[in-house]
C-alpha atoms as a PDB file:
ATOM      1  CA  THR A   1      18.344  64.951 102.792  1.00  0.00           C
ATOM      2  CA  VAL A   2      14.891  65.547 104.275  1.00  0.00           C
ATOM      3  CA  PHE A   3      13.363  62.074 104.413  1.00  0.00           C
ATOM      4  CA  SER A   4      16.290  60.124 105.889  1.00  0.00           C
ATOM      5  CA  PRO A   5      16.816  62.384 108.946  1.00  0.00           C
ATOM      6  CA  GLY A   6      13.044  62.798 109.319  1.00  0.00           C
ATOM      7  CA  LEU A   7      12.370  59.059 109.312  1.00  0.00           C
ATOM      8  CA  GLY A   8      15.446  58.440 111.471  1.00  0.00           C
ATOM      9  CA  LEU A   9      14.175  60.934 114.050  1.00  0.00           C
ATOM     10  CA  ALA A  10      10.656  59.487 114.022  1.00  0.00           C
ATOM     11  CA  ILE A  11      11.872  55.904 114.414  1.00  0.00           C
ATOM     12  CA  ALA A  12      14.399  56.802 117.116  1.00  0.00           C
ATOM     13  CA  VAL A  13      11.708  58.542 119.168  1.00  0.00           C
ATOM     14  CA  LEU A  14       9.087  55.826 118.675  1.00  0.00           C
ATOM     15  CA  VAL A  15      11.306  52.868 119.604  1.00  0.00           C
ATOM     16  CA  GLU A  16      13.344  54.638 122.295  1.00  0.00           C
ATOM     17  CA  ARG A  17      11.430  53.132 125.219  1.00  0.00           C
ATOM     18  CA  SER A  18       9.778  50.169 123.523  1.00  0.00           C
ATOM     19  CA  ARG A  19      10.470  46.529 124.320  1.00  0.00           C
ATOM     20  CA  ILE A  20      11.702  45.867 120.785  1.00  0.00           C
ATOM     21  CA  ASP A  21      14.152  48.767 120.857  1.00  0.00           C
ATOM     22  CA  ARG A  22      17.265  46.770 119.924  1.00  0.00           C
ATOM     23  CA  LEU A  23      15.520  44.529 117.389  1.00  0.00           C
ATOM     24  CA  ALA A  24      13.882  47.445 115.587  1.00  0.00           C
ATOM     25  CA  LYS A  25      17.111  49.446 115.441  1.00  0.00           C
ATOM     26  CA  THR A  26      19.037  46.413 114.194  1.00  0.00           C
ATOM     27  CA  LEU A  27      16.559  45.722 111.382  1.00  0.00           C
ATOM     28  CA  ILE A  28      16.455  49.361 110.281  1.00  0.00           C
ATOM     29  CA  PHE A  29      20.240  49.729 110.463  1.00  0.00           C
ATOM     30  CA  MET A  30      20.917  46.570 108.442  1.00  0.00           C
ATOM     31  CA  PRO A  31      20.728  48.280 105.005  1.00  0.00           C
ATOM     32  CA  MET A  32      23.762  50.356 106.059  1.00  0.00           C
ATOM     33  CA  ALA A  33      25.823  47.147 105.866  1.00  0.00           C
ATOM     34  CA  ILE A  34      24.968  46.809 102.159  1.00  0.00           C
ATOM     35  CA  SER A  35      26.819  48.742  99.492  1.00  0.00           C
ATOM     36  CA  PHE A  36      24.814  50.982  97.182  1.00  0.00           C
ATOM     37  CA  VAL A  37      25.472  48.571  94.323  1.00  0.00           C
ATOM     38  CA  GLY A  38      24.168  45.675  96.434  1.00  0.00           C
ATOM     39  CA  ALA A  39      21.142  47.721  97.450  1.00  0.00           C
ATOM     40  CA  SER A  40      20.493  48.533  93.805  1.00  0.00           C
ATOM     41  CA  VAL A  41      20.586  44.831  92.885  1.00  0.00           C
ATOM     42  CA  ILE A  42      18.015  44.130  95.613  1.00  0.00           C
ATOM     43  CA  TRP A  43      15.737  46.936  94.481  1.00  0.00           C
ATOM     44  CA  ARG A  44      16.008  45.909  90.821  1.00  0.00           C
ATOM     45  CA  PHE A  45      14.056  42.807  91.843  1.00  0.00           C
ATOM     46  CA  VAL A  46      11.454  45.077  93.440  1.00  0.00           C
ATOM     47  CA  TYR A  47      11.113  47.285  90.347  1.00  0.00           C
ATOM     48  CA  SER A  48      11.652  44.551  87.736  1.00  0.00           C
ATOM     49  CA  PHE A  49       9.318  44.747  84.727  1.00  0.00           C
ATOM     50  CA  GLN A  50       8.224  42.085  82.275  1.00  0.00           C
ATOM     51  CA  PRO A  51       5.795  42.656  79.382  1.00  0.00           C
ATOM     52  CA  GLU A  52       2.157  41.885  80.079  1.00  0.00           C
ATOM     53  CA  GLY A  53       1.383  38.172  79.832  1.00  0.00           C
ATOM     54  CA  GLN A  54       4.767  37.086  81.201  1.00  0.00           C
ATOM     55  CA  PRO A  55       5.454  36.100  84.814  1.00  0.00           C
ATOM     56  CA  GLN A  56       6.242  39.170  86.908  1.00  0.00           C
ATOM     57  CA  VAL A  57       9.329  38.569  89.041  1.00  0.00           C
ATOM     58  CA  GLY A  58       9.366  42.135  90.336  1.00  0.00           C
ATOM     59  CA  LEU A  59       7.677  42.589  93.703  1.00  0.00           C
ATOM     60  CA  LEU A  60       5.657  45.685  92.783  1.00  0.00           C
ATOM     61  CA  ASN A  61       4.403  44.279  89.489  1.00  0.00           C
ATOM     62  CA  ALA A  62       3.641  40.915  91.127  1.00  0.00           C
ATOM     63  CA  VAL A  63       1.446  42.747  93.638  1.00  0.00           C
ATOM     64  CA  LEU A  64      -0.295  44.663  90.838  1.00  0.00           C
ATOM     65  CA  SER A  65      -0.921  41.440  88.926  1.00  0.00           C
ATOM     66  CA  GLN A  66      -2.671  39.977  91.980  1.00  0.00           C
ATOM     67  CA  PHE A  67      -5.182  42.817  91.747  1.00  0.00           C
ATOM     68  CA  GLY A  68      -5.687  42.311  88.024  1.00  0.00           C
ATOM     69  CA  LEU A  69      -3.663  45.366  87.035  1.00  0.00           C
ATOM     70  CA  GLY A  70      -1.131  45.495  84.226  1.00  0.00           C
ATOM     71  CA  PRO A  71       2.620  45.715  84.890  1.00  0.00           C
ATOM     72  CA  VAL A  72       4.323  49.101  85.102  1.00  0.00           C
ATOM     73  CA  SER A  73       7.802  49.893  83.773  1.00  0.00           C
ATOM     74  CA  TRP A  74       8.814  51.707  86.930  1.00  0.00           C
ATOM     75  CA  LEU A  75      12.262  52.911  85.879  1.00  0.00           C
ATOM     76  CA  THR A  76      11.489  54.283  82.411  1.00  0.00           C
ATOM     77  CA  GLY A  77       8.890  56.948  83.200  1.00  0.00           C
ATOM     78  CA  GLU A  78       9.824  60.314  84.645  1.00  0.00           C
ATOM     79  CA  PRO A  79       9.647  61.741  87.277  1.00  0.00           C
ATOM     80  CA  LEU A  80       8.560  58.455  88.898  1.00  0.00           C
ATOM     81  CA  ASN A  81      11.908  56.794  88.152  1.00  0.00           C
ATOM     82  CA  THR A  82      13.820  59.537  89.959  1.00  0.00           C
ATOM     83  CA  ILE A  83      11.536  59.248  92.978  1.00  0.00           C
ATOM     84  CA  LEU A  84      12.060  55.479  93.071  1.00  0.00           C
ATOM     85  CA  LEU A  85      15.840  55.947  92.982  1.00  0.00           C
ATOM     86  CA  ILE A  86      15.522  58.380  95.890  1.00  0.00           C
ATOM     87  CA  VAL A  87      13.639  55.675  97.805  1.00  0.00           C
ATOM     88  CA  ILE A  88      16.709  53.421  97.595  1.00  0.00           C
ATOM     89  CA  LEU A  89      18.980  56.052  99.105  1.00  0.00           C
ATOM     90  CA  VAL A  90      16.456  56.869 101.835  1.00  0.00           C
ATOM     91  CA  TRP A  91      16.159  53.137 102.632  1.00  0.00           C
ATOM     92  CA  GLY A  92      19.927  52.876 102.933  1.00  0.00           C
ATOM     93  CA  GLN A  93      20.538  56.023 104.999  1.00  0.00           C
ATOM     94  CA  THR A  94      17.602  56.043 107.423  1.00  0.00           C
ATOM     95  CA  GLY A  95      19.419  53.557 109.659  1.00  0.00           C
ATOM     96  CA  PHE A  96      22.461  55.847 109.832  1.00  0.00           C
ATOM     97  CA  ALA A  97      20.292  58.827 110.774  1.00  0.00           C
ATOM     98  CA  MET A  98      18.370  56.764 113.339  1.00  0.00           C
ATOM     99  CA  VAL A  99      21.489  55.543 115.168  1.00  0.00           C
ATOM    100  CA  ILE A 100      23.079  58.997 115.439  1.00  0.00           C
ATOM    101  CA  ILE A 101      19.854  60.687 116.511  1.00  0.00           C
ATOM    102  CA  ALA A 102      19.028  57.884 118.984  1.00  0.00           C
ATOM    103  CA  ALA A 103      22.410  58.459 120.635  1.00  0.00           C
ATOM    104  CA  ALA A 104      21.606  62.172 120.903  1.00  0.00           C
ATOM    105  CA  LEU A 105      18.199  61.398 122.427  1.00  0.00           C
ATOM    106  CA  LYS A 106      19.872  59.551 125.283  1.00  0.00           C
ATOM    107  CA  GLY A 107      21.577  62.821 126.193  1.00  0.00           C
ATOM    108  CA  VAL A 108      18.292  64.689 126.659  1.00  0.00           C
ATOM    109  CA  PRO A 109      17.886  65.230 130.447  1.00  0.00           C
ATOM    110  CA  ASP A 110      14.951  63.328 131.928  1.00  0.00           C
ATOM    111  CA  GLU A 111      14.490  66.171 134.415  1.00  0.00           C
ATOM    112  CA  MET A 112      13.725  68.593 131.597  1.00  0.00           C
ATOM    113  CA  ILE A 113      11.079  66.277 130.126  1.00  0.00           C
ATOM    114  CA  GLU A 114       9.497  65.695 133.542  1.00  0.00           C
ATOM    115  CA  ALA A 115       9.445  69.447 134.181  1.00  0.00           C
ATOM    116  CA  GLY A 116       7.621  69.922 130.884  1.00  0.00           C
ATOM    117  CA  ARG A 117       5.016  67.327 131.840  1.00  0.00           C
ATOM    118  CA  ILE A 118       4.519  68.917 135.249  1.00  0.00           C
ATOM    119  CA  ASP A 119       3.940  72.274 133.544  1.00  0.00           C
ATOM    120  CA  GLY A 120       1.143  70.673 131.524  1.00  0.00           C
ATOM    121  CA  ALA A 121       2.868  70.211 128.175  1.00  0.00           C
ATOM    122  CA  THR A 122       1.554  67.485 125.887  1.00  0.00           C
ATOM    123  CA  GLU A 123       3.867  64.816 124.492  1.00  0.00           C
ATOM    124  CA  TRP A 124       3.842  66.583 121.107  1.00  0.00           C
ATOM    125  CA  GLN A 125       4.794  69.899 122.741  1.00  0.00           C
ATOM    126  CA  ILE A 126       7.580  68.191 124.674  1.00  0.00           C
ATOM    127  CA  PHE A 127       8.878  66.667 121.458  1.00  0.00           C
ATOM    128  CA  ARG A 128       8.626  69.870 119.402  1.00  0.00           C
ATOM    129  CA  ARG A 129       9.729  72.435 121.985  1.00  0.00           C
ATOM    130  CA  LEU A 130      12.118  70.488 124.220  1.00  0.00           C
ATOM    131  CA  ILE A 131      13.535  67.407 122.513  1.00  0.00           C
ATOM    132  CA  VAL A 132      14.002  68.728 118.968  1.00  0.00           C
ATOM    133  CA  PRO A 133      15.745  72.003 120.013  1.00  0.00           C
ATOM    134  CA  THR A 134      18.044  70.031 122.321  1.00  0.00           C
ATOM    135  CA  ILE A 135      19.185  67.607 119.612  1.00  0.00           C
ATOM    136  CA  TRP A 136      18.932  70.093 116.715  1.00  0.00           C
ATOM    137  CA  PRO A 137      22.743  70.295 116.165  1.00  0.00           C
ATOM    138  CA  THR A 138      22.818  66.504 115.741  1.00  0.00           C
ATOM    139  CA  ILE A 139      19.907  66.602 113.274  1.00  0.00           C
ATOM    140  CA  VAL A 140      21.683  69.298 111.243  1.00  0.00           C
ATOM    141  CA  THR A 141      24.924  67.300 111.222  1.00  0.00           C
ATOM    142  CA  VAL A 142      23.110  64.176 110.023  1.00  0.00           C
ATOM    143  CA  ALA A 143      21.240  66.156 107.347  1.00  0.00           C
ATOM    144  CA  THR A 144      24.389  67.813 105.995  1.00  0.00           C
ATOM    145  CA  THR A 145      26.266  64.495 105.949  1.00  0.00           C
ATOM    146  CA  ILE A 146      23.475  62.920 103.901  1.00  0.00           C
ATOM    147  CA  ALA A 147      23.333  66.026 101.691  1.00  0.00           C
ATOM    148  CA  ILE A 148      27.006  65.559 100.810  1.00  0.00           C
ATOM    149  CA  LEU A 149      26.375  61.904 100.021  1.00  0.00           C
ATOM    150  CA  THR A 150      23.375  62.837  97.872  1.00  0.00           C
ATOM    151  CA  LEU A 151      25.273  65.431  95.853  1.00  0.00           C
ATOM    152  CA  LYS A 152      28.001  62.965  94.907  1.00  0.00           C
ATOM    153  CA  ILE A 153      25.812  59.879  94.457  1.00  0.00           C
ATOM    154  CA  TYR A 154      26.870  57.659  91.569  1.00  0.00           C
ATOM    155  CA  ASP A 155      26.416  53.962  92.349  1.00  0.00           C
ATOM    156  CA  ILE A 156      22.625  53.778  92.550  1.00  0.00           C
ATOM    157  CA  VAL A 157      21.984  55.636  89.297  1.00  0.00           C
ATOM    158  CA  THR A 158      24.599  53.654  87.387  1.00  0.00           C
ATOM    159  CA  ALA A 159      23.444  50.273  88.688  1.00  0.00           C
ATOM    160  CA  MET A 160      19.725  50.942  88.241  1.00  0.00           C
ATOM    161  CA  THR A 161      19.373  52.944  85.020  1.00  0.00           C
ATOM    162  CA  GLY A 162      22.846  53.865  83.807  1.00  0.00           C
ATOM    163  CA  GLY A 163      21.618  57.442  83.713  1.00  0.00           C
ATOM    164  CA  ASN A 164      19.038  56.663  81.039  1.00  0.00           C
ATOM    165  CA  PHE A 165      15.459  57.969  81.066  1.00  0.00           C
ATOM    166  CA  ASP A 166      16.562  61.366  82.414  1.00  0.00           C
ATOM    167  CA  THR A 167      18.014  60.018  85.647  1.00  0.00           C
ATOM    168  CA  HIS A 168      21.521  61.420  85.237  1.00  0.00           C
ATOM    169  CA  VAL A 169      23.183  63.170  88.160  1.00  0.00           C
ATOM    170  CA  ILE A 170      26.370  65.244  88.120  1.00  0.00           C
ATOM    171  CA  ALA A 171      28.662  62.307  88.937  1.00  0.00           C
ATOM    172  CA  THR A 172      27.254  60.064  86.186  1.00  0.00           C
ATOM    173  CA  LEU A 173      27.376  62.894  83.648  1.00  0.00           C
ATOM    174  CA  MET A 174      30.987  63.589  84.608  1.00  0.00           C
ATOM    175  CA  TRP A 175      31.916  59.937  84.114  1.00  0.00           C
ATOM    176  CA  ARG A 176      30.103  59.706  80.771  1.00  0.00           C
ATOM    177  CA  GLN A 177      31.681  62.857  79.368  1.00  0.00           C
ATOM    178  CA  ALA A 178      35.196  61.999  80.530  1.00  0.00           C
ATOM    179  CA  PHE A 179      35.376  58.237  79.966  1.00  0.00           C
ATOM    180  CA  THR A 180      32.652  57.407  77.414  1.00  0.00           C
ATOM    181  CA  PHE A 181      32.783  60.409  75.085  1.00  0.00           C
ATOM    182  CA  PHE A 182      36.415  61.205  76.077  1.00  0.00           C
ATOM    183  CA  ASP A 183      35.559  64.878  76.398  1.00  0.00           C
ATOM    184  CA  GLN A 184      37.980  65.666  79.191  1.00  0.00           C
ATOM    185  CA  GLY A 185      37.101  69.356  79.229  1.00  0.00           C
ATOM    186  CA  ARG A 186      33.416  68.802  79.983  1.00  0.00           C
ATOM    187  CA  GLY A 187      34.260  66.041  82.421  1.00  0.00           C
ATOM    188  CA  ALA A 188      36.607  68.371  84.306  1.00  0.00           C
ATOM    189  CA  ALA A 189      34.002  71.168  84.259  1.00  0.00           C
ATOM    190  CA  LEU A 190      31.378  68.855  85.773  1.00  0.00           C
ATOM    191  CA  ALA A 191      33.905  67.765  88.419  1.00  0.00           C
ATOM    192  CA  VAL A 192      34.437  71.424  89.344  1.00  0.00           C
ATOM    193  CA  ILE A 193      30.647  71.973  89.519  1.00  0.00           C
ATOM    194  CA  LEU A 194      30.375  68.986  91.863  1.00  0.00           C
ATOM    195  CA  LEU A 195      33.211  70.341  94.021  1.00  0.00           C
ATOM    196  CA  VAL A 196      31.590  73.781  94.190  1.00  0.00           C
ATOM    197  CA  ALA A 197      28.239  72.213  95.143  1.00  0.00           C
ATOM    198  CA  VAL A 198      29.713  70.034  97.904  1.00  0.00           C
ATOM    199  CA  THR A 199      32.197  72.516  99.413  1.00  0.00           C
ATOM    200  CA  PRO A 200      29.695  74.805 101.213  1.00  0.00           C
ATOM    201  CA  VAL A 201      27.953  71.813 102.783  1.00  0.00           C
ATOM    202  CA  ILE A 202      31.292  70.359 103.929  1.00  0.00           C
ATOM    203  CA  TRP A 203      32.315  73.738 105.348  1.00  0.00           C
ATOM    204  CA  TYR A 204      29.048  74.046 107.266  1.00  0.00           C
ATOM    205  CA  ASN A 205      29.383  70.483 108.558  1.00  0.00           C
ATOM    206  CA  LEU A 206      32.930  71.094 109.785  1.00  0.00           C
ATOM    207  CA  ARG A 207      31.794  74.323 111.433  1.00  0.00           C
ATOM    208  CA  GLN A 208      29.096  72.393 113.295  1.00  0.00           C
ATOM    209  CA  PHE A 209      31.628  69.804 114.471  1.00  0.00           C
ATOM    210  CA  ARG A 210      34.024  72.551 115.617  1.00  0.00           C
ATOM    211  CA  GLY A 211      31.274  74.346 117.504  1.00  0.00           C
ATOM    212  CA  ARG A 212      30.230  71.157 119.319  1.00  0.00           C
ATOM    213  CA  ALA A 213      33.866  70.356 120.169  1.00  0.00           C
ATOM    214  CA  ILE A 214      34.297  73.814 121.721  1.00  0.00           C
END
């Protein structure tokens, strides 16, 4: 919720007036075309672990082996495994945040930026005090949309770890209780918890959309 909009904003600002604007945005947006299951398959090759002495097919462990370091079982140790799962979601959603925020940046009046420069403001001050406040509603909308997605995430955890090694989230716990242990009561309770967690964010998001429409 923090990293995807933050990276999307940074990239959108940095490539806005560069010569490789379209190419950079295309490359960063490409992960959005991949499902979370497909992204998880890709990242399993990055995090793949083989015991020491065997060829390392995982990218990270292959890099470590080049420096004479032993392989690391990335997805079995906590809290590192949770952080690495978060990386996958950030990788997939940064392109979404970048595209929406880049569209908002085009609506920032050039006259306002030029007036700031004439008044002696630095580029950082223009960004922090002019650009960000102007596009703040868009940043909030992007952040709340990703927050909703994060709260109900299921695919990445199931495809990468199956919820093992303390990586369960509400959606995977709900599925396990209802359809693995056939405890429908706990499954329904977890579904209600998920609904209660998502509802305020959805309400706030809809309120933002309504305010912008007015």
